[in-house]
Protein backbone atom coordinates (compact mmCIF):
# COMPACT_ATOMS: atom_id res chain seq x y z
CA MET A 1 -57.20 -109.47 74.53
CA SER A 2 -54.60 -106.86 75.44
CA LYS A 3 -55.13 -103.11 75.70
CA PRO A 4 -54.39 -101.05 72.59
CA GLU A 5 -51.16 -99.08 72.70
CA PRO A 6 -51.35 -95.29 72.60
CA VAL A 7 -50.59 -93.72 69.26
CA THR A 8 -48.77 -90.37 69.16
CA SER A 9 -47.91 -88.07 66.35
CA LYS A 10 -44.31 -88.06 65.16
CA LEU A 11 -44.66 -84.28 64.82
CA GLY A 12 -45.11 -84.04 68.62
CA SER A 13 -41.41 -83.24 69.13
CA GLU A 14 -40.27 -79.75 68.34
CA ALA A 15 -37.36 -81.00 66.22
CA ALA A 16 -39.65 -83.08 63.98
CA LEU A 17 -42.15 -80.21 63.71
CA ARG A 18 -39.34 -77.80 62.85
CA ILE A 19 -38.19 -79.99 59.91
CA HIS A 20 -41.84 -80.41 58.73
CA ILE A 21 -42.44 -76.67 58.86
CA LEU A 22 -39.18 -75.80 57.08
CA SER A 23 -39.84 -78.30 54.29
CA SER A 24 -43.41 -76.95 53.92
CA ILE A 25 -41.99 -73.40 53.53
CA ALA A 26 -39.26 -74.57 51.11
CA ALA A 27 -41.75 -76.55 48.99
CA GLY A 28 -44.05 -73.51 48.73
CA TYR A 29 -46.97 -75.12 50.56
CA VAL A 30 -46.81 -72.49 53.30
CA HIS A 31 -46.31 -68.71 53.02
CA ASP A 32 -47.43 -67.45 56.42
CA ILE A 33 -48.63 -68.65 59.82
CA THR A 34 -52.24 -68.86 58.61
CA SER A 35 -51.38 -71.20 55.73
CA MET A 36 -49.18 -73.19 58.16
CA PHE A 37 -52.15 -73.80 60.42
CA ASP A 38 -54.36 -74.62 57.43
CA PHE A 39 -51.78 -77.26 56.59
CA LEU A 40 -51.28 -78.50 60.19
CA ASN A 41 -55.04 -78.74 60.80
CA HIS A 42 -54.97 -81.82 58.51
CA THR A 43 -52.38 -83.72 60.62
CA PHE A 44 -52.72 -86.23 63.39
CA LEU A 45 -50.80 -83.79 65.63
CA SER A 46 -53.66 -81.32 65.30
CA TYR A 47 -56.20 -84.01 66.18
CA GLN A 48 -54.17 -84.97 69.28
CA ARG A 49 -53.73 -81.41 70.48
CA GLN A 50 -57.28 -80.27 70.04
CA GLY A 51 -57.66 -77.04 71.95
CA ALA A 52 -53.93 -76.81 72.68
CA ASN A 53 -52.35 -73.56 71.64
CA MET A 54 -49.72 -74.25 68.99
CA VAL A 55 -49.49 -70.67 67.78
CA GLY A 56 -46.53 -69.85 70.06
CA LEU A 57 -44.68 -72.99 69.12
CA VAL A 58 -45.14 -72.51 65.39
CA GLY A 59 -44.22 -68.81 65.71
CA ASP A 60 -41.04 -69.81 67.57
CA ILE A 61 -40.17 -72.24 64.79
CA PHE A 62 -40.76 -69.55 62.14
CA ASP A 63 -38.44 -67.22 64.10
CA PHE A 64 -35.82 -70.01 64.46
CA CYS A 65 -35.81 -70.59 60.70
CA THR A 66 -35.36 -66.83 60.09
CA ARG A 67 -32.56 -66.52 62.69
CA MET A 68 -30.71 -69.48 61.21
CA GLY A 69 -30.86 -67.98 57.72
CA LEU A 70 -33.22 -70.65 56.40
CA SER A 71 -36.07 -68.29 55.64
CA ARG A 72 -36.89 -64.57 55.71
CA LYS A 73 -39.90 -62.56 56.65
CA ALA A 74 -41.45 -60.19 54.15
CA ALA A 75 -44.42 -58.34 55.70
CA SER A 76 -46.65 -61.11 57.01
CA ASN A 77 -45.12 -63.75 54.74
CA ILE A 78 -42.24 -66.13 55.39
CA LEU A 79 -40.15 -67.09 52.35
CA PRO A 80 -37.45 -69.72 51.88
CA LEU A 81 -33.94 -68.56 51.19
CA LEU A 82 -32.25 -70.02 48.17
CA TRP A 83 -28.88 -71.56 48.76
CA GLU A 84 -26.32 -70.75 46.11
CA HIS A 85 -23.47 -73.05 45.27
CA HIS A 86 -20.21 -71.34 44.29
């Protein structure tokens, strides 16, 4: 019998996690960093990175979404920006 292959989370790359976080914000599942971690705690990525600090990475992704005009911060909340078609 051969050895089992390692399984890794597809959210392990920053690009994949960025898309996942942005879609969670846009869909209204996530409103702040606390609700983001409540959501992420139910993923395989969270299981794999037990004890690893993801706060900085998620915060950087929130900041990236704001800088790129994909979301905006309001107090401690992060809100999606609506795109208007003209």
